[in-house]
PDB file of all heavy atoms in Angstrom:
ATOM      1  N   GLY A   1     -27.687 -54.062 -28.912  1.00  0.00           N
ATOM      2  CA  GLY A   1     -27.284 -55.042 -29.898  1.00  0.00           C
ATOM      3  C   GLY A   1     -25.849 -55.504 -29.751  1.00  0.00           C
ATOM      4  O   GLY A   1     -25.251 -55.954 -30.725  1.00  0.00           O
ATOM      5  N   VAL A   2     -25.275 -55.409 -28.554  1.00  0.00           N
ATOM      6  CA  VAL A   2     -23.896 -55.849 -28.363  1.00  0.00           C
ATOM      7  C   VAL A   2     -23.771 -56.936 -27.300  1.00  0.00           C
ATOM      8  O   VAL A   2     -22.695 -57.501 -27.117  1.00  0.00           O
ATOM      9  CB  VAL A   2     -22.973 -54.658 -27.986  1.00  0.00           C
ATOM     10  CG1 VAL A   2     -22.927 -53.645 -29.098  1.00  0.00           C
ATOM     11  CG2 VAL A   2     -23.426 -54.007 -26.692  1.00  0.00           C
ATOM     12  N   GLY A   3     -24.848 -57.249 -26.598  1.00  0.00           N
ATOM     13  CA  GLY A   3     -24.785 -58.198 -25.489  1.00  0.00           C
ATOM     14  C   GLY A   3     -24.286 -59.567 -25.904  1.00  0.00           C
ATOM     15  O   GLY A   3     -23.398 -60.140 -25.255  1.00  0.00           O
ATOM     16  N   LEU A   4     -24.824 -60.134 -26.983  1.00  0.00           N
ATOM     17  CA  LEU A   4     -24.412 -61.459 -27.421  1.00  0.00           C
ATOM     18  C   LEU A   4     -23.023 -61.445 -28.038  1.00  0.00           C
ATOM     19  O   LEU A   4     -22.298 -62.442 -27.969  1.00  0.00           O
ATOM     20  CB  LEU A   4     -25.437 -62.027 -28.414  1.00  0.00           C
ATOM     21  CG  LEU A   4     -26.786 -62.403 -27.797  1.00  0.00           C
ATOM     22  CD1 LEU A   4     -27.759 -62.876 -28.870  1.00  0.00           C
ATOM     23  CD2 LEU A   4     -26.616 -63.481 -26.729  1.00  0.00           C
ATOM     24  N   ALA A   5     -22.648 -60.322 -28.648  1.00  0.00           N
ATOM     25  CA  ALA A   5     -21.280 -60.191 -29.161  1.00  0.00           C
ATOM     26  C   ALA A   5     -20.285 -60.204 -27.999  1.00  0.00           C
ATOM     27  O   ALA A   5     -19.214 -60.816 -28.082  1.00  0.00           O
ATOM     28  CB  ALA A   5     -21.138 -58.910 -29.980  1.00  0.00           C
ATOM     29  N   VAL A   6     -20.636 -59.519 -26.910  1.00  0.00           N
ATOM     30  CA  VAL A   6     -19.802 -59.534 -25.703  1.00  0.00           C
ATOM     31  C   VAL A   6     -19.687 -60.963 -25.174  1.00  0.00           C
ATOM     32  O   VAL A   6     -18.591 -61.449 -24.854  1.00  0.00           O
ATOM     33  CB  VAL A   6     -20.396 -58.612 -24.617  1.00  0.00           C
ATOM     34  CG1 VAL A   6     -19.695 -58.814 -23.281  1.00  0.00           C
ATOM     35  CG2 VAL A   6     -20.285 -57.156 -25.035  1.00  0.00           C
ATOM     36  N   ALA A   7     -20.834 -61.659 -25.095  1.00  0.00           N
ATOM     37  CA  ALA A   7     -20.844 -63.027 -24.570  1.00  0.00           C
ATOM     38  C   ALA A   7     -19.963 -63.946 -25.402  1.00  0.00           C
ATOM     39  O   ALA A   7     -19.167 -64.731 -24.856  1.00  0.00           O
ATOM     40  CB  ALA A   7     -22.280 -63.561 -24.528  1.00  0.00           C
ATOM     41  N   LYS A   8     -20.073 -63.854 -26.720  1.00  0.00           N
ATOM     42  CA  LYS A   8     -19.278 -64.729 -27.592  1.00  0.00           C
ATOM     43  C   LYS A   8     -17.787 -64.460 -27.434  1.00  0.00           C
ATOM     44  O   LYS A   8     -16.967 -65.388 -27.385  1.00  0.00           O
ATOM     45  CB  LYS A   8     -19.685 -64.556 -29.049  1.00  0.00           C
ATOM     46  CG  LYS A   8     -18.974 -65.550 -29.974  1.00  0.00           C
ATOM     47  CD  LYS A   8     -19.404 -65.406 -31.413  1.00  0.00           C
ATOM     48  CE  LYS A   8     -18.816 -66.529 -32.259  1.00  0.00           C
ATOM     49  NZ  LYS A   8     -17.353 -66.661 -32.114  1.00  0.00           N
ATOM     50  N   ARG A   9     -17.414 -63.181 -27.376  1.00  0.00           N
ATOM     51  CA  ARG A   9     -15.995 -62.862 -27.244  1.00  0.00           C
ATOM     52  C   ARG A   9     -15.442 -63.384 -25.914  1.00  0.00           C
ATOM     53  O   ARG A   9     -14.322 -63.911 -25.853  1.00  0.00           O
ATOM     54  CB  ARG A   9     -15.801 -61.340 -27.335  1.00  0.00           C
ATOM     55  CG  ARG A   9     -14.366 -60.879 -27.173  1.00  0.00           C
ATOM     56  CD  ARG A   9     -13.445 -61.520 -28.173  1.00  0.00           C
ATOM     57  NE  ARG A   9     -12.060 -61.134 -27.936  1.00  0.00           N
ATOM     58  CZ  ARG A   9     -11.014 -61.828 -28.347  1.00  0.00           C
ATOM     59  NH1 ARG A   9     -11.190 -62.961 -29.006  1.00  0.00           N
ATOM     60  NH2 ARG A   9      -9.794 -61.397 -28.099  1.00  0.00           N
ATOM     61  N   ILE A  10     -16.224 -63.271 -24.846  1.00  0.00           N
ATOM     62  CA  ILE A  10     -15.781 -63.775 -23.541  1.00  0.00           C
ATOM     63  C   ILE A  10     -15.619 -65.289 -23.576  1.00  0.00           C
ATOM     64  O   ILE A  10     -14.637 -65.841 -23.061  1.00  0.00           O
ATOM     65  CB  ILE A  10     -16.777 -63.354 -22.438  1.00  0.00           C
ATOM     66  CG1 ILE A  10     -16.713 -61.837 -22.224  1.00  0.00           C
ATOM     67  CG2 ILE A  10     -16.484 -64.086 -21.129  1.00  0.00           C
ATOM     68  CD1 ILE A  10     -17.780 -61.297 -21.292  1.00  0.00           C
ATOM     69  N   ILE A  11     -16.577 -65.981 -24.194  1.00  0.00           N
ATOM     70  CA  ILE A  11     -16.494 -67.441 -24.286  1.00  0.00           C
ATOM     71  C   ILE A  11     -15.306 -67.847 -25.159  1.00  0.00           C
ATOM     72  O   ILE A  11     -14.611 -68.834 -24.858  1.00  0.00           O
ATOM     73  CB  ILE A  11     -17.810 -68.021 -24.850  1.00  0.00           C
ATOM     74  CG1 ILE A  11     -18.975 -67.688 -23.909  1.00  0.00           C
ATOM     75  CG2 ILE A  11     -17.700 -69.524 -25.033  1.00  0.00           C
ATOM     76  CD1 ILE A  11     -18.762 -68.109 -22.479  1.00  0.00           C
ATOM     77  N   ASP A  12     -15.038 -67.107 -26.230  1.00  0.00           N
ATOM     78  CA  ASP A  12     -13.857 -67.400 -27.066  1.00  0.00           C
ATOM     79  C   ASP A  12     -12.575 -67.267 -26.256  1.00  0.00           C
ATOM     80  O   ASP A  12     -11.647 -68.072 -26.412  1.00  0.00           O
ATOM     81  CB  ASP A  12     -13.815 -66.453 -28.271  1.00  0.00           C
ATOM     82  CG  ASP A  12     -14.878 -66.775 -29.310  1.00  0.00           C
ATOM     83  OD1 ASP A  12     -15.426 -67.900 -29.258  1.00  0.00           O
ATOM     84  OD2 ASP A  12     -15.157 -65.914 -30.168  1.00  0.00           O
ATOM     85  N   LEU A  13     -12.509 -66.245 -25.403  1.00  0.00           N
ATOM     86  CA  LEU A  13     -11.327 -66.071 -24.562  1.00  0.00           C
ATOM     87  C   LEU A  13     -11.140 -67.253 -23.610  1.00  0.00           C
ATOM     88  O   LEU A  13     -10.007 -67.592 -23.236  1.00  0.00           O
ATOM     89  CB  LEU A  13     -11.438 -64.771 -23.752  1.00  0.00           C
ATOM     90  CG  LEU A  13     -11.199 -63.460 -24.503  1.00  0.00           C
ATOM     91  CD1 LEU A  13     -11.545 -62.262 -23.623  1.00  0.00           C
ATOM     92  CD2 LEU A  13      -9.752 -63.357 -24.979  1.00  0.00           C
ATOM     93  N   HIS A  14     -12.233 -67.897 -23.232  1.00  0.00           N
ATOM     94  CA  HIS A  14     -12.173 -69.064 -22.349  1.00  0.00           C
ATOM     95  C   HIS A  14     -12.008 -70.367 -23.130  1.00  0.00           C
ATOM     96  O   HIS A  14     -12.100 -71.449 -22.538  1.00  0.00           O
ATOM     97  CB  HIS A  14     -13.450 -69.149 -21.490  1.00  0.00           C
ATOM     98  CG  HIS A  14     -13.486 -68.181 -20.352  1.00  0.00           C
ATOM     99  ND1 HIS A  14     -13.882 -66.873 -20.510  1.00  0.00           N
ATOM    100  CD2 HIS A  14     -13.158 -68.319 -19.038  1.00  0.00           C
ATOM    101  CE1 HIS A  14     -13.815 -66.255 -19.339  1.00  0.00           C
ATOM    102  NE2 HIS A  14     -13.384 -67.096 -18.432  1.00  0.00           N
ATOM    103  N   GLN A  15     -11.790 -70.260 -24.449  1.00  0.00           N
ATOM    104  CA  GLN A  15     -11.627 -71.435 -25.316  1.00  0.00           C
ATOM    105  C   GLN A  15     -12.858 -72.343 -25.282  1.00  0.00           C
ATOM    106  O   GLN A  15     -12.762 -73.568 -25.346  1.00  0.00           O
ATOM    107  CB  GLN A  15     -10.372 -72.228 -24.928  1.00  0.00           C
ATOM    108  CG  GLN A  15      -9.094 -71.412 -25.033  1.00  0.00           C
ATOM    109  CD  GLN A  15      -7.871 -72.169 -24.550  1.00  0.00           C
ATOM    110  OE1 GLN A  15      -7.933 -73.364 -24.307  1.00  0.00           O
ATOM    111  NE2 GLN A  15      -6.764 -71.465 -24.405  1.00  0.00           N
ATOM    112  N   GLY A  16     -14.017 -71.707 -25.160  1.00  0.00           N
ATOM    113  CA  GLY A  16     -15.268 -72.450 -25.176  1.00  0.00           C
ATOM    114  C   GLY A  16     -16.062 -72.138 -26.430  1.00  0.00           C
ATOM    115  O   GLY A  16     -15.535 -71.588 -27.399  1.00  0.00           O
ATOM    116  N   ARG A  17     -17.328 -72.468 -26.418  1.00  0.00           N
ATOM    117  CA  ARG A  17     -18.186 -72.174 -27.570  1.00  0.00           C
ATOM    118  C   ARG A  17     -19.590 -71.847 -27.077  1.00  0.00           C
ATOM    119  O   ARG A  17     -20.033 -72.347 -26.041  1.00  0.00           O
ATOM    120  CB  ARG A  17     -18.218 -73.346 -28.558  1.00  0.00           C
ATOM    121  CG  ARG A  17     -18.790 -74.637 -28.010  1.00  0.00           C
ATOM    122  CD  ARG A  17     -18.753 -75.757 -29.044  1.00  0.00           C
ATOM    123  NE  ARG A  17     -19.323 -76.997 -28.527  1.00  0.00           N
ATOM    124  CZ  ARG A  17     -18.640 -77.896 -27.846  1.00  0.00           C
ATOM    125  NH1 ARG A  17     -17.368 -77.705 -27.582  1.00  0.00           N
ATOM    126  NH2 ARG A  17     -19.236 -78.996 -27.400  1.00  0.00           N
ATOM    127  N   ILE A  18     -20.268 -71.006 -27.834  1.00  0.00           N
ATOM    128  CA  ILE A  18     -21.641 -70.617 -27.526  1.00  0.00           C
ATOM    129  C   ILE A  18     -22.491 -70.875 -28.754  1.00  0.00           C
ATOM    130  O   ILE A  18     -22.083 -70.566 -29.877  1.00  0.00           O
ATOM    131  CB  ILE A  18     -21.716 -69.143 -27.065  1.00  0.00           C
ATOM    132  CG1 ILE A  18     -23.163 -68.768 -26.705  1.00  0.00           C
ATOM    133  CG2 ILE A  18     -21.162 -68.197 -28.118  1.00  0.00           C
ATOM    134  CD1 ILE A  18     -23.260 -67.421 -25.992  1.00  0.00           C
ATOM    135  N   GLN A  19     -23.648 -71.474 -28.559  1.00  0.00           N
ATOM    136  CA  GLN A  19     -24.534 -71.849 -29.659  1.00  0.00           C
ATOM    137  C   GLN A  19     -25.975 -71.490 -29.319  1.00  0.00           C
ATOM    138  O   GLN A  19     -26.318 -71.321 -28.144  1.00  0.00           O
ATOM    139  CB  GLN A  19     -24.428 -73.356 -29.946  1.00  0.00           C
ATOM    140  CG  GLN A  19     -23.038 -73.816 -30.361  1.00  0.00           C
ATOM    141  CD  GLN A  19     -22.939 -75.334 -30.414  1.00  0.00           C
ATOM    142  OE1 GLN A  19     -23.228 -76.019 -29.435  1.00  0.00           O
ATOM    143  NE2 GLN A  19     -22.545 -75.865 -31.569  1.00  0.00           N
ATOM    144  N   VAL A  20     -26.795 -71.415 -30.375  1.00  0.00           N
ATOM    145  CA  VAL A  20     -28.217 -71.181 -30.185  1.00  0.00           C
ATOM    146  C   VAL A  20     -28.997 -72.149 -31.056  1.00  0.00           C
ATOM    147  O   VAL A  20     -28.593 -72.452 -32.185  1.00  0.00           O
ATOM    148  CB  VAL A  20     -28.598 -69.716 -30.525  1.00  0.00           C
ATOM    149  CG1 VAL A  20     -28.277 -69.382 -31.970  1.00  0.00           C
ATOM    150  CG2 VAL A  20     -30.073 -69.461 -30.230  1.00  0.00           C
ATOM    151  N   SER A  21     -30.073 -72.679 -30.518  1.00  0.00           N
ATOM    152  CA  SER A  21     -31.024 -73.477 -31.303  1.00  0.00           C
ATOM    153  C   SER A  21     -32.420 -72.961 -30.983  1.00  0.00           C
ATOM    154  O   SER A  21     -32.726 -72.677 -29.822  1.00  0.00           O
ATOM    155  CB  SER A  21     -30.903 -74.966 -30.980  1.00  0.00           C
ATOM    156  OG  SER A  21     -31.242 -75.212 -29.631  1.00  0.00           O
ATOM    157  N   SER A  22     -33.232 -72.834 -32.024  1.00  0.00           N
ATOM    158  CA  SER A  22     -34.554 -72.245 -31.823  1.00  0.00           C
ATOM    159  C   SER A  22     -35.548 -72.869 -32.786  1.00  0.00           C
ATOM    160  O   SER A  22     -35.273 -73.018 -33.980  1.00  0.00           O
ATOM    161  CB  SER A  22     -34.478 -70.726 -32.037  1.00  0.00           C
ATOM    162  OG  SER A  22     -35.708 -70.108 -31.737  1.00  0.00           O
ATOM    163  N   GLY A  23     -36.711 -73.220 -32.250  1.00  0.00           N
ATOM    164  CA  GLY A  23     -37.763 -73.797 -33.076  1.00  0.00           C
ATOM    165  C   GLY A  23     -38.874 -74.362 -32.215  1.00  0.00           C
ATOM    166  O   GLY A  23     -38.640 -74.772 -31.064  1.00  0.00           O
ATOM    167  N   GLY A  24     -40.075 -74.355 -32.745  1.00  0.00           N
ATOM    168  CA  GLY A  24     -41.207 -74.902 -32.008  1.00  0.00           C
ATOM    169  C   GLY A  24     -41.543 -74.143 -30.741  1.00  0.00           C
ATOM    170  O   GLY A  24     -42.022 -74.729 -29.764  1.00  0.00           O
ATOM    171  N   GLY A  25     -41.256 -72.838 -30.738  1.00  0.00           N
ATOM    172  CA  GLY A  25     -41.562 -72.024 -29.565  1.00  0.00           C
ATOM    173  C   GLY A  25     -40.572 -72.191 -28.427  1.00  0.00           C
ATOM    174  O   GLY A  25     -40.876 -71.811 -27.286  1.00  0.00           O
ATOM    175  N   LYS A  26     -39.384 -72.745 -28.729  1.00  0.00           N
ATOM    176  CA  LYS A  26     -38.374 -72.978 -27.700  1.00  0.00           C
ATOM    177  C   LYS A  26     -37.018 -72.499 -28.206  1.00  0.00           C
ATOM    178  O   LYS A  26     -36.593 -72.856 -29.300  1.00  0.00           O
ATOM    179  CB  LYS A  26     -38.325 -74.463 -27.355  1.00  0.00           C
ATOM    180  CG  LYS A  26     -37.257 -74.853 -26.352  1.00  0.00           C
ATOM    181  CD  LYS A  26     -37.291 -76.359 -26.125  1.00  0.00           C
ATOM    182  CE  LYS A  26     -36.181 -76.818 -25.202  1.00  0.00           C
ATOM    183  NZ  LYS A  26     -36.196 -78.290 -24.995  1.00  0.00           N
ATOM    184  N   THR A  27     -36.343 -71.688 -27.410  1.00  0.00           N
ATOM    185  CA  THR A  27     -35.016 -71.182 -27.772  1.00  0.00           C
ATOM    186  C   THR A  27     -34.031 -71.535 -26.661  1.00  0.00           C
ATOM    187  O   THR A  27     -34.298 -71.260 -25.489  1.00  0.00           O
ATOM    188  CB  THR A  27     -35.036 -69.659 -27.982  1.00  0.00           C
ATOM    189  OG1 THR A  27     -35.905 -69.353 -29.079  1.00  0.00           O
ATOM    190  CG2 THR A  27     -33.634 -69.139 -28.304  1.00  0.00           C
ATOM    191  N   VAL A  28     -32.903 -72.152 -27.063  1.00  0.00           N
ATOM    192  CA  VAL A  28     -31.899 -72.592 -26.098  1.00  0.00           C
ATOM    193  C   VAL A  28     -30.544 -71.992 -26.467  1.00  0.00           C
ATOM    194  O   VAL A  28     -30.056 -72.184 -27.582  1.00  0.00           O
ATOM    195  CB  VAL A  28     -31.775 -74.126 -26.065  1.00  0.00           C
ATOM    196  CG1 VAL A  28     -30.764 -74.550 -24.998  1.00  0.00           C
ATOM    197  CG2 VAL A  28     -33.128 -74.774 -25.815  1.00  0.00           C
ATOM    198  N   PHE A  29     -29.960 -71.257 -25.526  1.00  0.00           N
ATOM    199  CA  PHE A  29     -28.575 -70.801 -25.656  1.00  0.00           C
ATOM    200  C   PHE A  29     -27.704 -71.732 -24.818  1.00  0.00           C
ATOM    201  O   PHE A  29     -27.955 -71.886 -23.615  1.00  0.00           O
ATOM    202  CB  PHE A  29     -28.421 -69.357 -25.178  1.00  0.00           C
ATOM    203  CG  PHE A  29     -28.877 -68.344 -26.191  1.00  0.00           C
ATOM    204  CD1 PHE A  29     -30.199 -67.931 -26.226  1.00  0.00           C
ATOM    205  CD2 PHE A  29     -27.988 -67.811 -27.114  1.00  0.00           C
ATOM    206  CE1 PHE A  29     -30.628 -67.005 -27.166  1.00  0.00           C
ATOM    207  CE2 PHE A  29     -28.400 -66.881 -28.048  1.00  0.00           C
ATOM    208  CZ  PHE A  29     -29.721 -66.478 -28.079  1.00  0.00           C
ATOM    209  N   SER A  30     -26.703 -72.347 -25.459  1.00  0.00           N
ATOM    210  CA  SER A  30     -25.825 -73.284 -24.774  1.00  0.00           C
ATOM    211  C   SER A  30     -24.399 -72.763 -24.780  1.00  0.00           C
ATOM    212  O   SER A  30     -23.892 -72.344 -25.814  1.00  0.00           O
ATOM    213  CB  SER A  30     -25.858 -74.654 -25.460  1.00  0.00           C
ATOM    214  OG  SER A  30     -27.169 -75.185 -25.456  1.00  0.00           O
ATOM    215  N   VAL A  31     -23.770 -72.795 -23.610  1.00  0.00           N
ATOM    216  CA  VAL A  31     -22.379 -72.348 -23.456  1.00  0.00           C
ATOM    217  C   VAL A  31     -21.575 -73.509 -22.909  1.00  0.00           C
ATOM    218  O   VAL A  31     -21.873 -74.013 -21.808  1.00  0.00           O
ATOM    219  CB  VAL A  31     -22.279 -71.138 -22.506  1.00  0.00           C
ATOM    220  CG1 VAL A  31     -20.811 -70.781 -22.267  1.00  0.00           C
ATOM    221  CG2 VAL A  31     -23.027 -69.947 -23.074  1.00  0.00           C
ATOM    222  N   SER A  32     -20.578 -73.951 -23.668  1.00  0.00           N
ATOM    223  CA  SER A  32     -19.700 -75.045 -23.226  1.00  0.00           C
ATOM    224  C   SER A  32     -18.341 -74.473 -22.876  1.00  0.00           C
ATOM    225  O   SER A  32     -17.727 -73.758 -23.688  1.00  0.00           O
ATOM    226  CB  SER A  32     -19.555 -76.101 -24.325  1.00  0.00           C
ATOM    227  OG  SER A  32     -20.799 -76.707 -24.602  1.00  0.00           O
TER     228      SER A  32
END
């Protein structure tokens, strides 16, 4: 239960953002 927390902290350090959208049997994780 720490993998996504690790990912978010790393993306924050890179001054980026991470988002998730889910619905209709489709889940998308987007990292900018």
